[in-house]
Amino acid sequence: MYVIVEIQGQQFKAEAGKKLYVHRIEAERGASVEFANVLLVDNNGDLKIGAPAVEGAKVVCEVLSHLKGEKVIVFKKKRRKGYKKRNGHRQSFTQVLVKEIIA
């Protein structure tokens, strides 16, 4: 059984026992969070598609850790003008464990 769930504007395929990396959630480590915006439920071939969300379906997750992603370098240059700009960015993520799917 798996579901497609929307978490902070991004869609993820969630199965029980799997880990997901989502944009940072303001929750403590070990806290339980629920996501109710379930777009699709597949129960061994039996599909339920929401319009826009499936009624009564939700995903229960546990927050494992907060971490940062790989560094992304942003480099801007205009040739023959002497303009160069270098910036870096690391996105903050939260690792969650899918405990239970209620559908």
C-alpha atoms as a PDB file:
ATOM      1  CA  MET A   1       0.000   0.000   0.000  1.00  0.00           C
ATOM      2  CA  TYR A   2       1.271   3.460  -0.881  1.00  0.00           C
ATOM      3  CA  VAL A   3      -0.091   6.982  -1.081  1.00  0.00           C
ATOM      4  CA  ILE A   4       0.808  10.209  -2.845  1.00  0.00           C
ATOM      5  CA  VAL A   5       0.797  12.960  -0.226  1.00  0.00           C
ATOM      6  CA  GLU A   6       1.401  16.693  -0.571  1.00  0.00           C
ATOM      7  CA  ILE A   7       3.735  18.126   2.063  1.00  0.00           C
ATOM      8  CA  GLN A   8       4.478  21.864   1.924  1.00  0.00           C
ATOM      9  CA  GLY A   9       3.711  22.144  -1.787  1.00  0.00           C
ATOM     10  CA  GLN A  10       5.650  19.040  -2.903  1.00  0.00           C
ATOM     11  CA  GLN A  11       4.264  15.598  -3.679  1.00  0.00           C
ATOM     12  CA  PHE A  12       5.837  12.472  -2.189  1.00  0.00           C
ATOM     13  CA  LYS A  13       5.190   8.751  -2.568  1.00  0.00           C
ATOM     14  CA  ALA A  14       4.848   7.429   0.984  1.00  0.00           C
ATOM     15  CA  GLU A  15       4.850   3.818   2.157  1.00  0.00           C
ATOM     16  CA  ALA A  16       4.771   2.562   5.746  1.00  0.00           C
ATOM     17  CA  GLY A  17       8.279   2.231   7.154  1.00  0.00           C
ATOM     18  CA  LYS A  18       9.964   4.468   4.535  1.00  0.00           C
ATOM     19  CA  LYS A  19      11.956   7.632   5.254  1.00  0.00           C
ATOM     20  CA  LEU A  20      11.272  10.924   3.471  1.00  0.00           C
ATOM     21  CA  TYR A  21      13.296  14.124   3.253  1.00  0.00           C
ATOM     22  CA  VAL A  22      10.902  17.087   3.244  1.00  0.00           C
ATOM     23  CA  HIS A  23      11.443  20.831   3.586  1.00  0.00           C
ATOM     24  CA  ARG A  24      12.028  21.787   7.203  1.00  0.00           C
ATOM     25  CA  ILE A  25       9.061  21.273   9.518  1.00  0.00           C
ATOM     26  CA  GLU A  26       8.853  23.191  12.787  1.00  0.00           C
ATOM     27  CA  ALA A  27       8.549  20.152  15.061  1.00  0.00           C
ATOM     28  CA  GLU A  28      10.778  18.607  17.717  1.00  0.00           C
ATOM     29  CA  ARG A  29      12.774  15.420  17.143  1.00  0.00           C
ATOM     30  CA  GLY A  30      10.632  12.405  17.990  1.00  0.00           C
ATOM     31  CA  ALA A  31       7.385  14.338  17.559  1.00  0.00           C
ATOM     32  CA  SER A  32       4.497  12.872  15.595  1.00  0.00           C
ATOM     33  CA  VAL A  33       3.120  14.866  12.644  1.00  0.00           C
ATOM     34  CA  GLU A  34       0.098  14.174  10.437  1.00  0.00           C
ATOM     35  CA  PHE A  35      -0.379  15.092   6.794  1.00  0.00           C
ATOM     36  CA  ALA A  36      -3.996  15.066   5.639  1.00  0.00           C
ATOM     37  CA  ASN A  37      -3.568  16.243   2.041  1.00  0.00           C
ATOM     38  CA  VAL A  38      -3.527  12.740   0.474  1.00  0.00           C
ATOM     39  CA  LEU A  39      -4.005  12.916  -3.291  1.00  0.00           C
ATOM     40  CA  LEU A  40      -4.013   9.198  -4.198  1.00  0.00           C
ATOM     41  CA  VAL A  41      -4.298   5.888  -2.346  1.00  0.00           C
ATOM     42  CA  ASP A  42      -3.206   2.580  -3.913  1.00  0.00           C
ATOM     43  CA  ASN A  43      -4.227  -0.436  -1.834  1.00  0.00           C
ATOM     44  CA  ASN A  44      -2.853  -3.415  -3.838  1.00  0.00           C
ATOM     45  CA  GLY A  45      -4.337  -2.234  -7.133  1.00  0.00           C
ATOM     46  CA  ASP A  46      -7.464  -0.620  -5.676  1.00  0.00           C
ATOM     47  CA  LEU A  47      -7.014   3.078  -6.543  1.00  0.00           C
ATOM     48  CA  LYS A  48      -8.742   5.981  -4.826  1.00  0.00           C
ATOM     49  CA  ILE A  49      -8.106   9.337  -6.456  1.00  0.00           C
ATOM     50  CA  GLY A  50      -9.042  12.491  -4.584  1.00  0.00           C
ATOM     51  CA  ALA A  51     -10.646  15.592  -5.994  1.00  0.00           C
ATOM     52  CA  PRO A  52      -8.435  17.271  -4.790  1.00  0.00           C
ATOM     53  CA  ALA A  53      -7.823  15.111  -1.660  1.00  0.00           C
ATOM     54  CA  VAL A  54      -9.065  11.695  -0.522  1.00  0.00           C
ATOM     55  CA  GLU A  55     -11.647  12.038   2.281  1.00  0.00           C
ATOM     56  CA  GLY A  56     -10.528  10.692   5.660  1.00  0.00           C
ATOM     57  CA  ALA A  57      -7.042   9.670   4.523  1.00  0.00           C
ATOM     58  CA  LYS A  58      -3.932  10.828   6.348  1.00  0.00           C
ATOM     59  CA  VAL A  59      -0.290   9.917   6.852  1.00  0.00           C
ATOM     60  CA  VAL A  60       1.206   9.746  10.352  1.00  0.00           C
ATOM     61  CA  CYS A  61       4.968  10.388  10.505  1.00  0.00           C
ATOM     62  CA  GLU A  62       7.647  10.698  13.171  1.00  0.00           C
ATOM     63  CA  VAL A  63      10.330  13.392  12.930  1.00  0.00           C
ATOM     64  CA  LEU A  64      13.756  11.712  12.975  1.00  0.00           C
ATOM     65  CA  SER A  65      16.156  14.625  12.466  1.00  0.00           C
ATOM     66  CA  HIS A  66      16.746  18.086  11.043  1.00  0.00           C
ATOM     67  CA  LEU A  67      19.624  18.444   8.594  1.00  0.00           C
ATOM     68  CA  LYS A  68      20.980  20.448   5.686  1.00  0.00           C
ATOM     69  CA  GLY A  69      21.324  19.394   2.069  1.00  0.00           C
ATOM     70  CA  GLU A  70      24.312  19.637  -0.248  1.00  0.00           C
ATOM     71  CA  LYS A  71      25.756  23.079  -0.935  1.00  0.00           C
ATOM     72  CA  VAL A  72      24.569  24.682  -4.168  1.00  0.00           C
ATOM     73  CA  ILE A  73      26.895  27.270  -5.730  1.00  0.00           C
ATOM     74  CA  VAL A  74      25.276  30.236  -7.500  1.00  0.00           C
ATOM     75  CA  PHE A  75      27.739  31.979  -9.840  1.00  0.00           C
ATOM     76  CA  LYS A  76      26.845  35.016 -11.936  1.00  0.00           C
ATOM     77  CA  LYS A  77      29.148  36.641 -14.488  1.00  0.00           C
ATOM     78  CA  LYS A  78      28.891  39.210 -17.244  1.00  0.00           C
ATOM     79  CA  ARG A  79      31.689  38.858 -19.718  1.00  0.00           C
ATOM     80  CA  ARG A  80      33.969  41.806 -20.459  1.00  0.00           C
ATOM     81  CA  LYS A  81      32.333  43.877 -17.692  1.00  0.00           C
ATOM     82  CA  GLY A  82      34.389  42.738 -14.711  1.00  0.00           C
ATOM     83  CA  TYR A  83      31.254  41.532 -12.892  1.00  0.00           C
ATOM     84  CA  LYS A  84      31.449  38.268 -10.937  1.00  0.00           C
ATOM     85  CA  LYS A  85      29.258  37.221  -8.029  1.00  0.00           C
ATOM     86  CA  ARG A  86      29.540  33.900  -6.140  1.00  0.00           C
ATOM     87  CA  ASN A  87      27.015  32.731  -3.576  1.00  0.00           C
ATOM     88  CA  GLY A  88      26.264  29.457  -1.832  1.00  0.00           C
ATOM     89  CA  HIS A  89      23.118  27.979  -0.313  1.00  0.00           C
ATOM     90  CA  ARG A  90      22.259  24.904   1.768  1.00  0.00           C
ATOM     91  CA  GLN A  91      18.584  23.952   2.026  1.00  0.00           C
ATOM     92  CA  SER A  92      17.206  22.851   5.406  1.00  0.00           C
ATOM     93  CA  PHE A  93      15.454  19.475   5.418  1.00  0.00           C
ATOM     94  CA  THR A  94      13.611  17.299   7.919  1.00  0.00           C
ATOM     95  CA  GLN A  95      13.878  13.517   7.814  1.00  0.00           C
ATOM     96  CA  VAL A  96      10.568  11.841   8.677  1.00  0.00           C
ATOM     97  CA  LEU A  97       9.661   8.181   9.067  1.00  0.00           C
ATOM     98  CA  VAL A  98       6.248   7.120   7.787  1.00  0.00           C
ATOM     99  CA  LYS A  99       4.694   5.260  10.722  1.00  0.00           C
ATOM    100  CA  GLU A 100       1.164   4.624   9.501  1.00  0.00           C
ATOM    101  CA  ILE A 101      -1.143   5.268   6.571  1.00  0.00           C
ATOM    102  CA  ILE A 102      -4.810   5.729   7.433  1.00  0.00           C
ATOM    103  CA  ALA A 103      -7.055   5.399   4.393  1.00  0.00           C
END
